[in-house]
Amino acid sequence: MVSSLLSRFPRVSARGLLHAEQRLTERYADLVRLAYLALPPSLGRHRRVLLAHALVQRSLPAAAAGVPAPRGGSDGVSPMARSLYVPVLREVLAVSRRPPGWPGDVPPPRMLLPRLPLVWGLRLVPRAGGADELALSRALSELSATARAAFTLLRVERLTEAEAHGVLEAAGFDRVETELDCALQVDVTLGGSVASILRSQEFDPCTVRARPSDLLRRRRRVRLAGTALLVALITVVTLVVCDGVPLVSPTAGPAPHRASRSGAPAVDDVVRVAPRTWAATSRVDFTAWPARGSLVHDRALLRRATAAWASEDDGTGTRTTRTTGTPAGAPLDAPHLLYAGRVGRNTVVLLHDGQRLARYGESADTGVRSLALARVDDADVTTAAAVALDVDARRDAVRYLLAPWVAESWTRDLMRPDTPARPLAVDGDGLTASVPVFGTGADCASRTVLQLRSSPRIAEHHAFLLAGLGDLTPVHLTYTPLPARTAPPRPPREATGPAALLAWARVGCAVGSLRGSGVKAVNA
């Protein structure tokens, strides 16, 4: 390793590289955490883990050569901080630069380049945390790379504001003063325990879980790649053999134009997840739901459901509704099958394409076919815990399909905080008994919500409230305690404690006004 680096960086001595490697190894976990948090969350946790390790390892020559101080004099940064933090942050900044005109929703080209370490066929992700870690992760995702790096330097590395300012300036970041202020605001929002939360396994890219990638999709991609390679070889051989011979007759007329239209995915392309996938993955959302229901092998029903989704705008007679903010259009890839079965007098199919849920229904009484779409690309263990499968307008009742990680389920009246929750019956497929619809009128005598508890394999003692407001997925209700006079504000938490239930009893009536708005979470 040292000899190869000497050939690339001849000004760095072997002794300097060995000394730098020793220091980098001692601080390796902290430096990888710094790079992981500074990288954009939109990359996904697997890609961020590998890229963070790669960038820290690439910073070794710069750490050995030392980093010159920025113009303007001393900034109070120790030589150790400058020689370790600055090279890592420079690498993060370098791979984050976008060329002029580069699409904003596509990662910069240097982030897409393969680099060591390489992983094939596995996904490496940090272990999932609880509600506090989720709140901090969401807060960091709204910050810029400069603010995320500043926050990590201040709270994990315990640098002073002047030292963090000097490190960021030396690394080449812009608007350091403003972004430092943004980083400090996270403490005000989430409270003083963020330093310990940042050191948890949720944000530790050196303590990861290894799980296989999507095996069915990977097999299809390997077959497609092999087919493309074979076609390319045949094309090259044909061009070599037919060199100088025209491949099209000069007298031949133009090829007839064939109109093409993207149709429904083939039924064989519908993905079915194994029943226990949710217990062995850190991505706890709709991608971990297994295929359930008595009709999951009904090929004709699945063909009608996928065809309805693919042709939702062509006037075929299927009644289509979309939650606010949900894009239209056919699934971009083979959708995951989550449920197919009979619910009351209706036949229901539930599909997920990675960004949206699609609920296809056929009424046995009227013969009407319906399709409901909802955007769920930000779903998590709570907002992916239940889906409304059947709404009975005559009885003002709804039946939910619960996630496989829901271990216990109850209903409670939000307007009666002292009344204990009632057990909710659930069948073997995760389908609940009828639940009263969350009220919308001025009479606030009753407001029924779901109270669910996750399996201990997901999170210990994790119960939460969901309110059905007419969309496919119910709304997650949370609670923020009032701050003490001398303590900073605390982050939102689950609304299951006595103080939270009392607070929601006072404001719960107003939640009904959000019906059909696409809201995913409401905090009191």
Protein backbone atom coordinates (compact mmCIF):
# COMPACT_ATOMS: atom_id res chain seq x y z
CA MET A 1 0.00 0.00 0.00
CA VAL A 2 2.78 2.46 0.94
CA SER A 3 4.88 1.75 -2.17
CA SER A 4 1.92 2.34 -4.50
CA LEU A 5 1.10 5.62 -2.78
CA LEU A 6 4.74 6.74 -3.02
CA SER A 7 4.57 6.33 -6.79
CA ARG A 8 1.51 8.62 -6.94
CA PHE A 9 2.76 11.15 -4.38
CA PRO A 10 6.59 11.25 -4.63
CA ARG A 11 6.90 14.21 -2.25
CA VAL A 12 5.57 12.14 0.66
CA SER A 13 8.19 10.02 2.39
CA ALA A 14 7.57 6.43 3.41
CA ARG A 15 8.00 7.40 7.06
CA GLY A 16 5.43 10.18 6.66
CA LEU A 17 2.91 7.83 5.09
CA LEU A 18 3.39 5.22 7.82
CA HIS A 19 2.95 7.85 10.52
CA ALA A 20 -0.17 9.25 8.81
CA GLU A 21 -1.62 5.76 8.34
CA GLN A 22 -1.13 5.07 12.05
CA ARG A 23 -2.96 8.27 13.03
CA LEU A 24 -5.70 7.66 10.47
CA THR A 25 -6.22 4.10 11.72
CA GLU A 26 -6.54 5.31 15.30
CA ARG A 27 -9.24 7.82 14.32
CA TYR A 28 -10.68 5.81 11.44
CA ALA A 29 -14.18 5.27 12.85
CA ASP A 30 -14.62 8.96 13.71
CA LEU A 31 -13.38 10.10 10.30
CA VAL A 32 -15.68 7.71 8.45
CA ARG A 33 -18.60 8.95 10.57
CA LEU A 34 -17.67 12.54 9.62
CA ALA A 35 -17.63 11.68 5.90
CA TYR A 36 -20.85 9.63 6.18
CA LEU A 37 -22.79 12.47 7.80
CA ALA A 38 -21.42 15.12 5.42
CA LEU A 39 -22.43 13.15 2.30
CA PRO A 40 -25.97 13.82 0.98
CA PRO A 41 -28.62 11.49 2.50
CA SER A 42 -30.23 11.14 -0.95
CA LEU A 43 -27.45 8.69 -1.90
CA GLY A 44 -28.94 6.01 0.36
CA ARG A 45 -27.24 4.45 3.35
CA HIS A 46 -25.48 1.60 1.49
CA ARG A 47 -23.81 3.89 -1.03
CA ARG A 48 -22.93 6.44 1.67
CA VAL A 49 -21.25 3.76 3.80
CA LEU A 50 -19.00 2.60 0.96
CA LEU A 51 -18.25 6.12 -0.25
CA ALA A 52 -17.39 7.33 3.27
CA HIS A 53 -14.85 4.51 3.70
CA ALA A 54 -13.42 5.19 0.24
CA LEU A 55 -12.99 8.93 0.84
CA VAL A 56 -11.27 8.45 4.21
CA GLN A 57 -8.85 5.93 2.70
CA ARG A 58 -8.13 8.29 -0.22
CA SER A 59 -7.27 11.09 2.22
CA LEU A 60 -4.17 9.26 3.52
CA PRO A 61 -1.59 11.00 1.24
CA ALA A 62 -3.01 14.44 2.03
CA ALA A 63 -2.92 13.66 5.74
CA ALA A 64 0.73 12.66 5.43
CA ALA A 65 1.71 15.74 3.42
CA GLY A 66 -0.04 18.10 5.84
CA VAL A 67 -2.58 20.79 5.04
CA PRO A 68 -1.50 24.42 4.70
CA ALA A 69 -3.34 27.04 6.74
CA PRO A 70 -5.83 29.20 4.86
CA ARG A 71 -5.01 32.78 4.04
CA GLY A 72 -5.73 35.20 6.81
CA GLY A 73 -3.63 33.85 9.65
CA SER A 74 -4.17 31.42 12.52
CA ASP A 75 -7.63 30.11 13.24
CA GLY A 76 -6.93 28.12 16.39
CA VAL A 77 -7.13 24.70 14.75
CA SER A 78 -4.72 22.09 16.08
CA PRO A 79 -2.29 20.41 13.64
CA MET A 80 -3.95 17.05 14.38
CA ALA A 81 -7.39 18.40 13.41
CA ARG A 82 -6.05 20.06 10.27
CA SER A 83 -4.14 16.99 9.09
CA LEU A 84 -7.05 14.57 9.59
CA TYR A 85 -10.39 16.39 9.29
CA VAL A 86 -9.50 18.74 6.43
CA PRO A 87 -8.37 16.09 3.88
CA VAL A 88 -11.51 14.03 4.52
CA LEU A 89 -13.80 17.04 4.10
CA ARG A 90 -11.93 18.09 0.95
CA GLU A 91 -12.63 14.67 -0.54
CA VAL A 92 -16.32 14.99 0.38
CA LEU A 93 -16.46 18.44 -1.20
CA ALA A 94 -14.68 17.21 -4.35
CA VAL A 95 -17.10 14.34 -5.03
CA SER A 96 -20.12 16.56 -4.26
CA ARG A 97 -19.39 19.13 -6.99
CA ARG A 98 -21.88 19.12 -9.86
CA PRO A 99 -20.84 20.07 -13.41
CA PRO A 100 -22.76 22.97 -15.01
CA GLY A 101 -26.17 21.80 -16.16
CA TRP A 102 -26.02 18.54 -14.19
CA PRO A 103 -29.57 17.42 -13.14
CA GLY A 104 -30.35 18.22 -9.52
CA ASP A 105 -31.97 14.83 -8.79
CA VAL A 106 -28.97 12.82 -10.06
CA PRO A 107 -25.87 12.30 -7.85
CA PRO A 108 -22.74 14.10 -9.09
CA PRO A 109 -20.66 12.02 -11.54
CA ARG A 110 -17.75 11.45 -9.13
CA MET A 111 -20.16 9.86 -6.63
CA LEU A 112 -21.19 7.32 -9.28
CA LEU A 113 -17.66 6.18 -10.12
CA PRO A 114 -16.67 2.75 -8.72
CA ARG A 115 -13.89 2.93 -6.13
CA LEU A 116 -12.45 0.75 -3.40
CA PRO A 117 -13.89 -0.77 -1.29
CA LEU A 118 -16.24 -2.53 -3.70
CA VAL A 119 -19.15 -4.75 -2.60
CA TRP A 120 -21.12 -6.99 -4.97
CA GLY A 121 -24.37 -8.69 -4.02
CA LEU A 122 -24.62 -7.25 -0.49
CA ARG A 123 -26.10 -4.16 1.09
CA LEU A 124 -24.20 -2.67 4.04
CA VAL A 125 -26.29 -0.36 6.21
CA PRO A 126 -25.95 0.88 9.81
CA ARG A 127 -28.33 -0.56 12.35
CA ALA A 128 -31.65 1.27 12.61
CA GLY A 129 -32.31 3.35 15.71
CA GLY A 130 -35.46 4.56 17.42
CA ALA A 131 -37.62 7.67 17.27
CA ASP A 132 -34.86 10.03 18.49
CA GLU A 133 -32.44 8.82 15.82
CA LEU A 134 -35.17 9.16 13.17
CA ALA A 135 -35.89 12.75 14.24
CA LEU A 136 -32.19 13.67 14.11
CA SER A 137 -31.76 11.96 10.73
CA ARG A 138 -34.64 13.98 9.29
CA ALA A 139 -33.22 17.20 10.75
CA LEU A 140 -29.78 16.54 9.23
CA SER A 141 -31.26 15.70 5.83
CA GLU A 142 -32.61 19.25 5.64
CA LEU A 143 -29.15 20.79 6.20
CA SER A 144 -26.43 21.47 3.64
CA ALA A 145 -23.22 19.44 3.53
CA THR A 146 -21.38 22.32 5.24
CA ALA A 147 -23.89 22.44 8.11
CA ARG A 148 -23.86 18.65 8.54
CA ALA A 149 -20.06 18.64 8.66
CA ALA A 150 -20.07 21.55 11.12
CA PHE A 151 -22.60 19.80 13.33
CA THR A 152 -20.49 16.63 13.43
CA LEU A 153 -17.30 18.56 14.24
CA LEU A 154 -19.04 20.44 17.05
CA ARG A 155 -20.99 17.61 18.65
CA VAL A 156 -18.97 14.45 17.97
CA GLU A 157 -15.41 15.74 17.66
CA ARG A 158 -16.11 18.45 20.29
CA LEU A 159 -14.33 21.21 18.39
CA THR A 160 -15.01 24.80 19.35
CA GLU A 161 -16.86 27.05 16.93
CA ALA A 162 -13.58 28.74 15.96
CA GLU A 163 -11.88 25.40 15.33
CA ALA A 164 -14.80 24.07 13.27
CA HIS A 165 -14.85 27.34 11.30
CA GLY A 166 -11.13 26.97 10.54
CA VAL A 167 -11.43 23.32 9.46
CA LEU A 168 -14.33 24.05 7.10
CA GLU A 169 -12.57 27.06 5.60
CA ALA A 170 -9.38 25.07 5.09
CA ALA A 171 -11.38 22.31 3.38
CA GLY A 172 -12.80 24.85 0.91
CA PHE A 173 -16.44 25.07 2.05
CA ASP A 174 -18.42 28.24 1.31
CA ARG A 175 -20.71 30.30 3.57
CA VAL A 176 -19.14 28.75 6.66
CA GLU A 177 -20.42 31.40 9.10
CA THR A 178 -24.04 31.03 7.97
CA GLU A 179 -23.94 27.23 7.91
CA LEU A 180 -22.42 27.13 11.41
CA ASP A 181 -25.44 29.04 12.66
CA CYS A 182 -27.73 26.53 10.93
CA ALA A 183 -25.88 23.65 12.61
CA LEU A 184 -26.28 25.26 16.03
CA GLN A 185 -30.03 25.56 15.46
CA VAL A 186 -30.33 21.76 15.44
CA ASP A 187 -29.50 21.73 19.16
CA VAL A 188 -32.27 24.23 19.81
CA THR A 189 -34.75 22.08 17.89
CA LEU A 190 -33.82 18.61 19.15
CA GLY A 191 -32.37 19.29 22.59
CA GLY A 192 -29.03 18.68 24.24
CA SER A 193 -28.85 14.89 23.82
CA VAL A 194 -27.94 15.00 20.13
CA ALA A 195 -24.25 14.27 20.79
CA SER A 196 -25.05 10.88 22.32
CA ILE A 197 -27.58 10.15 19.56
CA LEU A 198 -24.93 10.92 16.90
CA ARG A 199 -22.65 8.31 18.49
CA SER A 200 -25.35 5.62 18.24
CA GLN A 201 -25.24 2.79 15.72
CA GLU A 202 -27.72 4.59 13.45
CA PHE A 203 -24.91 6.98 12.46
CA ASP A 204 -21.95 4.56 12.71
CA PRO A 205 -20.88 3.40 9.22
CA CYS A 206 -18.27 1.08 10.78
CA THR A 207 -20.93 -1.02 12.55
CA VAL A 208 -23.12 -2.25 9.73
CA ARG A 209 -25.49 -5.08 8.90
CA ALA A 210 -24.84 -7.10 5.76
CA ARG A 211 -27.90 -8.27 3.88
CA PRO A 212 -28.41 -9.51 0.32
CA SER A 213 -29.59 -7.11 -2.31
CA ASP A 214 -32.84 -7.66 -4.22
CA LEU A 215 -32.04 -11.18 -5.46
CA LEU A 216 -34.87 -11.42 -8.01
CA ARG A 217 -34.10 -8.03 -9.53
CA ARG A 218 -30.38 -8.80 -9.53
CA ARG A 219 -30.97 -12.03 -11.45
CA ARG A 220 -32.99 -10.13 -14.06
CA ARG A 221 -30.30 -7.48 -14.41
CA VAL A 222 -27.57 -10.10 -14.80
CA ARG A 223 -29.61 -11.82 -17.52
CA LEU A 224 -30.22 -8.49 -19.26
CA ALA A 225 -26.53 -7.61 -19.04
CA GLY A 226 -25.58 -10.99 -20.49
CA THR A 227 -28.09 -10.57 -23.29
CA ALA A 228 -26.80 -7.07 -24.08
CA LEU A 229 -23.21 -8.35 -24.14
CA LEU A 230 -24.18 -11.19 -26.49
CA VAL A 231 -25.99 -8.75 -28.81
CA ALA A 232 -22.95 -6.46 -28.80
CA LEU A 233 -20.63 -9.36 -29.70
CA ILE A 234 -22.94 -10.48 -32.52
CA THR A 235 -23.08 -6.90 -33.82
CA VAL A 236 -19.28 -6.57 -33.80
CA VAL A 237 -18.83 -9.91 -35.60
CA THR A 238 -21.47 -8.95 -38.17
CA LEU A 239 -19.80 -5.62 -38.86
CA VAL A 240 -16.41 -7.30 -39.25
CA VAL A 241 -17.71 -10.01 -41.59
CA CYS A 242 -19.85 -7.61 -43.63
CA ASP A 243 -17.20 -4.86 -43.80
CA GLY A 244 -17.87 -2.87 -46.96
CA VAL A 245 -21.16 -4.67 -47.76
CA PRO A 246 -24.32 -2.58 -47.35
CA LEU A 247 -26.63 -4.11 -44.74
CA VAL A 248 -29.74 -2.48 -46.27
CA SER A 249 -30.71 -2.85 -49.90
CA PRO A 250 -30.70 0.52 -51.73
CA THR A 251 -34.09 -0.33 -53.23
CA ALA A 252 -35.70 -1.30 -49.98
CA GLY A 253 -38.46 0.99 -48.77
CA PRO A 254 -38.60 2.50 -45.33
CA ALA A 255 -39.46 0.17 -42.48
CA PRO A 256 -43.05 0.50 -41.36
CA HIS A 257 -43.51 2.61 -38.23
CA ARG A 258 -45.08 0.77 -35.31
CA ALA A 259 -46.74 2.78 -32.62
CA SER A 260 -45.61 1.62 -29.16
CA ARG A 261 -47.27 2.14 -25.85
CA SER A 262 -45.99 1.10 -22.47
CA GLY A 263 -48.33 -1.54 -21.14
CA ALA A 264 -48.69 -3.26 -17.81
CA PRO A 265 -45.79 -5.21 -16.34
CA ALA A 266 -46.05 -8.93 -16.88
CA VAL A 267 -47.54 -10.84 -13.96
CA ASP A 268 -44.33 -12.87 -13.75
CA ASP A 269 -42.48 -9.60 -13.04
CA VAL A 270 -44.46 -8.85 -9.88
CA VAL A 271 -42.01 -9.15 -6.99
CA ARG A 272 -42.89 -11.21 -3.91
CA VAL A 273 -40.83 -10.61 -0.76
CA ALA A 274 -40.06 -13.49 1.61
CA PRO A 275 -42.22 -13.54 4.78
CA ARG A 276 -39.40 -12.82 7.29
CA THR A 277 -37.52 -10.19 5.28
CA TRP A 278 -38.65 -7.40 7.62
CA ALA A 279 -36.83 -9.03 10.57
CA ALA A 280 -33.48 -9.11 8.74
CA THR A 281 -33.27 -5.69 7.12
CA SER A 282 -32.52 -2.18 8.33
CA ARG A 283 -34.86 -0.64 5.73
CA VAL A 284 -38.15 -1.07 7.55
CA ASP A 285 -40.75 0.23 5.11
CA PHE A 286 -43.04 -1.12 2.38
CA THR A 287 -40.11 -2.82 0.61
CA ALA A 288 -40.02 -5.32 3.51
CA TRP A 289 -43.71 -6.29 3.31
CA PRO A 290 -44.35 -9.88 2.19
CA ALA A 291 -47.08 -10.88 -0.25
CA ARG A 292 -50.19 -11.82 1.76
CA GLY A 293 -53.79 -12.74 1.04
CA SER A 294 -55.71 -15.66 -0.40
CA LEU A 295 -55.40 -14.51 -4.04
CA VAL A 296 -51.66 -13.83 -4.37
CA HIS A 297 -51.47 -16.57 -7.03
CA ASP A 298 -54.53 -15.42 -9.02
CA ARG A 299 -52.75 -14.48 -12.25
CA ALA A 300 -55.87 -13.05 -13.91
CA LEU A 301 -56.54 -10.71 -10.97
CA LEU A 302 -52.92 -9.55 -10.84
CA ARG A 303 -52.97 -8.93 -14.59
CA ARG A 304 -56.06 -6.74 -14.24
CA ALA A 305 -54.52 -4.81 -11.35
CA THR A 306 -51.22 -4.10 -13.12
CA ALA A 307 -53.07 -3.24 -16.33
CA ALA A 308 -55.28 -0.75 -14.45
CA TRP A 309 -52.20 0.93 -12.97
CA ALA A 310 -50.39 1.05 -16.31
CA SER A 311 -53.40 2.54 -18.12
CA GLU A 312 -54.89 4.75 -15.41
CA ASP A 313 -55.31 7.71 -17.76
CA ASP A 314 -56.64 6.06 -20.91
CA GLY A 315 -60.33 6.11 -20.04
CA THR A 316 -60.82 2.36 -19.51
CA GLY A 317 -63.48 2.94 -16.85
CA THR A 318 -61.40 2.38 -13.71
CA ARG A 319 -62.08 5.09 -11.14
CA THR A 320 -58.69 6.55 -10.20
CA THR A 321 -57.89 8.73 -7.20
CA ARG A 322 -54.52 10.10 -6.12
CA THR A 323 -53.44 11.52 -2.79
CA THR A 324 -52.25 15.12 -2.92
CA GLY A 325 -48.70 15.28 -4.28
CA THR A 326 -48.78 11.79 -5.83
CA PRO A 327 -47.52 11.65 -9.46
CA ALA A 328 -49.53 9.84 -12.11
CA GLY A 329 -48.23 7.21 -14.50
CA ALA A 330 -47.48 3.53 -14.77
CA PRO A 331 -45.00 1.84 -12.39
CA LEU A 332 -41.44 2.41 -13.55
CA ASP A 333 -40.32 -1.04 -12.48
CA ALA A 334 -41.84 -4.38 -11.55
CA PRO A 335 -44.03 -3.58 -8.50
CA HIS A 336 -43.92 -5.48 -5.23
CA LEU A 337 -47.07 -7.44 -4.44
CA LEU A 338 -48.16 -6.68 -0.85
CA TYR A 339 -51.66 -8.13 -0.74
CA ALA A 340 -54.27 -9.82 -2.93
CA GLY A 341 -57.48 -11.12 -1.41
CA ARG A 342 -61.14 -10.60 -0.59
CA VAL A 343 -62.04 -7.93 1.95
CA GLY A 344 -65.74 -8.00 2.70
CA ARG A 345 -67.60 -7.72 -0.63
CA ASN A 346 -64.55 -6.38 -2.47
CA THR A 347 -61.48 -7.92 -4.05
CA VAL A 348 -58.35 -5.89 -3.30
CA VAL A 349 -54.79 -5.90 -4.67
CA LEU A 350 -52.08 -3.78 -3.02
CA LEU A 351 -48.89 -2.99 -4.99
CA HIS A 352 -45.77 -0.88 -4.32
CA ASP A 353 -43.28 0.38 -6.92
CA GLY A 354 -40.72 1.92 -4.57
CA GLN A 355 -42.34 5.37 -4.53
CA ARG A 356 -46.09 4.81 -4.58
CA LEU A 357 -48.74 2.51 -3.19
CA ALA A 358 -51.49 1.36 -5.54
CA ARG A 359 -54.71 -0.15 -4.18
CA TYR A 360 -56.80 -1.82 -6.91
CA GLY A 361 -60.33 -2.86 -5.99
CA GLU A 362 -63.21 -4.70 -7.63
CA SER A 363 -66.69 -4.44 -6.08
CA ALA A 364 -68.74 -7.63 -6.11
CA ASP A 365 -71.98 -5.62 -5.71
CA THR A 366 -71.58 -2.96 -8.41
CA GLY A 367 -68.75 -4.34 -10.55
CA VAL A 368 -66.97 -0.98 -10.29
CA ARG A 369 -63.18 -1.07 -10.51
CA SER A 370 -61.15 1.49 -8.59
CA LEU A 371 -57.50 2.47 -8.28
CA ALA A 372 -56.09 4.61 -5.44
CA LEU A 373 -52.49 5.89 -5.53
CA ALA A 374 -50.45 7.44 -2.72
CA ARG A 375 -46.84 8.60 -2.57
CA VAL A 376 -44.93 6.74 0.19
CA ASP A 377 -41.23 7.16 -0.72
CA ASP A 378 -40.51 8.62 2.75
CA ALA A 379 -42.25 5.84 4.69
CA ASP A 380 -40.68 4.33 7.81
CA VAL A 381 -41.51 1.90 10.62
CA THR A 382 -44.52 4.03 11.68
CA THR A 383 -45.90 5.50 8.44
CA ALA A 384 -45.56 2.10 6.71
CA ALA A 385 -47.29 0.28 9.57
CA ALA A 386 -50.85 0.26 8.18
CA VAL A 387 -52.77 0.68 4.91
CA ALA A 388 -56.51 1.22 4.53
CA LEU A 389 -57.76 -1.70 2.42
CA ASP A 390 -61.54 -1.36 2.65
CA VAL A 391 -63.77 1.60 3.57
CA ASP A 392 -67.43 0.92 4.34
CA ALA A 393 -69.17 4.28 3.84
CA ARG A 394 -72.52 2.94 5.11
CA ARG A 395 -71.08 2.01 8.50
CA ASP A 396 -68.34 4.70 8.63
CA ALA A 397 -65.78 1.97 9.19
CA VAL A 398 -62.43 1.02 7.68
CA ARG A 399 -60.30 -2.14 7.73
CA TYR A 400 -56.52 -1.87 7.75
CA LEU A 401 -53.74 -4.17 6.61
CA LEU A 402 -50.99 -4.02 9.24
CA ALA A 403 -47.27 -4.32 8.60
CA PRO A 404 -45.65 -7.67 9.44
CA TRP A 405 -43.59 -6.04 12.22
CA VAL A 406 -46.69 -4.94 14.17
CA ALA A 407 -46.82 -7.23 17.21
CA GLU A 408 -49.83 -5.77 19.06
CA SER A 409 -52.76 -3.58 18.01
CA TRP A 410 -55.46 -1.61 19.81
CA THR A 411 -57.92 1.19 19.17
CA ARG A 412 -58.40 4.14 21.49
CA ASP A 413 -60.61 7.20 21.63
CA LEU A 414 -58.39 10.26 21.29
CA MET A 415 -60.96 12.43 23.08
CA ARG A 416 -60.96 10.16 26.18
CA PRO A 417 -57.32 9.97 27.33
CA ASP A 418 -58.21 8.18 30.58
CA THR A 419 -60.06 5.34 28.82
CA PRO A 420 -57.83 2.30 28.23
CA ALA A 421 -57.17 1.19 24.67
CA ARG A 422 -59.22 -1.73 23.35
CA PRO A 423 -57.60 -4.76 21.69
CA LEU A 424 -58.07 -4.86 17.90
CA ALA A 425 -58.65 -8.24 16.26
CA VAL A 426 -56.27 -9.10 13.39
CA ASP A 427 -56.42 -12.17 11.15
CA GLY A 428 -53.48 -14.28 9.98
CA ASP A 429 -52.82 -12.04 6.95
CA GLY A 430 -52.61 -8.88 9.07
CA LEU A 431 -56.12 -7.62 8.19
CA THR A 432 -57.89 -5.88 11.09
CA ALA A 433 -61.50 -5.93 12.12
CA SER A 434 -63.58 -2.85 11.25
CA VAL A 435 -62.39 0.38 12.90
CA PRO A 436 -64.61 3.50 13.19
CA VAL A 437 -63.61 6.23 10.77
CA PHE A 438 -61.84 9.23 12.33
CA GLY A 439 -64.55 11.88 12.66
CA THR A 440 -64.69 15.13 10.69
CA GLY A 441 -67.69 17.04 12.05
CA ALA A 442 -67.90 19.73 14.70
CA ASP A 443 -69.10 17.14 17.23
CA CYS A 444 -65.87 15.97 18.88
CA ALA A 445 -67.48 13.34 21.07
CA SER A 446 -65.22 10.61 19.68
CA ARG A 447 -62.09 10.28 17.53
CA THR A 448 -60.86 6.69 17.04
CA VAL A 449 -57.17 6.06 16.34
CA LEU A 450 -54.94 3.00 16.05
CA GLN A 451 -52.38 2.25 18.75
CA LEU A 452 -49.76 -0.20 17.49
CA ARG A 453 -46.64 -1.75 19.00
CA SER A 454 -43.65 -2.84 16.93
CA SER A 455 -42.02 -6.22 17.32
CA PRO A 456 -39.01 -6.25 19.71
CA ARG A 457 -36.93 -7.23 16.68
CA ILE A 458 -37.53 -3.72 15.31
CA ALA A 459 -37.48 -1.56 18.45
CA GLU A 460 -37.95 -2.27 22.16
CA HIS A 461 -41.11 -0.86 23.74
CA HIS A 462 -42.05 1.14 20.64
CA ALA A 463 -45.76 2.00 20.57
CA PHE A 464 -47.27 4.74 18.40
CA LEU A 465 -50.59 6.26 17.30
CA LEU A 466 -52.04 6.43 13.77
CA ALA A 467 -55.13 8.37 12.66
CA GLY A 468 -56.94 7.43 9.46
CA LEU A 469 -57.84 10.60 7.54
CA GLY A 470 -59.19 9.05 4.35
CA ASP A 471 -55.86 8.41 2.57
CA LEU A 472 -54.29 5.04 1.89
CA THR A 473 -51.92 5.39 4.85
CA PRO A 474 -52.98 6.82 8.23
CA VAL A 475 -51.26 9.83 9.81
CA HIS A 476 -48.57 9.35 12.48
CA LEU A 477 -49.36 11.36 15.64
CA THR A 478 -46.42 12.58 17.74
CA TYR A 479 -45.99 14.83 20.80
CA THR A 480 -43.41 17.42 21.87
CA PRO A 481 -43.28 18.13 25.63
CA LEU A 482 -43.22 21.72 26.79
CA PRO A 483 -39.62 22.80 27.54
CA ALA A 484 -38.49 23.58 31.07
CA ARG A 485 -37.27 27.08 31.85
CA THR A 486 -33.58 26.10 31.94
CA ALA A 487 -33.63 23.16 29.52
CA PRO A 488 -33.60 23.33 25.72
CA PRO A 489 -36.62 22.14 23.73
CA ARG A 490 -36.93 18.39 23.40
CA PRO A 491 -37.51 16.45 20.15
CA PRO A 492 -40.91 14.98 19.21
CA ARG A 493 -41.75 11.57 20.64
CA GLU A 494 -44.51 9.00 20.38
CA ALA A 495 -47.89 10.23 21.63
CA THR A 496 -48.68 7.29 23.93
CA GLY A 497 -47.82 8.69 27.37
CA PRO A 498 -50.33 10.33 29.73
CA ALA A 499 -49.15 13.89 28.99
CA ALA A 500 -49.26 13.25 25.24
CA LEU A 501 -52.77 11.79 25.37
CA LEU A 502 -54.01 14.78 27.39
CA ALA A 503 -52.49 17.17 24.85
CA TRP A 504 -54.08 15.33 21.93
CA ALA A 505 -57.46 15.27 23.69
CA ARG A 506 -57.38 19.08 23.54
CA VAL A 507 -56.35 19.44 19.88
CA GLY A 508 -57.41 16.13 18.31
CA CYS A 509 -60.65 17.48 16.91
CA ALA A 510 -58.75 19.79 14.55
CA VAL A 511 -56.92 16.90 12.87
CA GLY A 512 -60.04 16.00 10.91
CA SER A 513 -59.61 19.16 8.84
CA LEU A 514 -56.51 17.58 7.26
CA ARG A 515 -58.54 14.80 5.64
CA GLY A 516 -57.37 14.02 2.11
CA SER A 517 -54.42 16.46 2.25
CA GLY A 518 -51.65 13.84 1.98
CA VAL A 519 -50.17 14.70 5.40
CA LYS A 520 -48.03 11.88 6.80
CA ALA A 521 -47.40 13.08 10.39
CA VAL A 522 -48.87 15.63 12.80
CA ASN A 523 -47.16 16.83 15.97
CA ALA A 524 -48.87 18.29 19.07
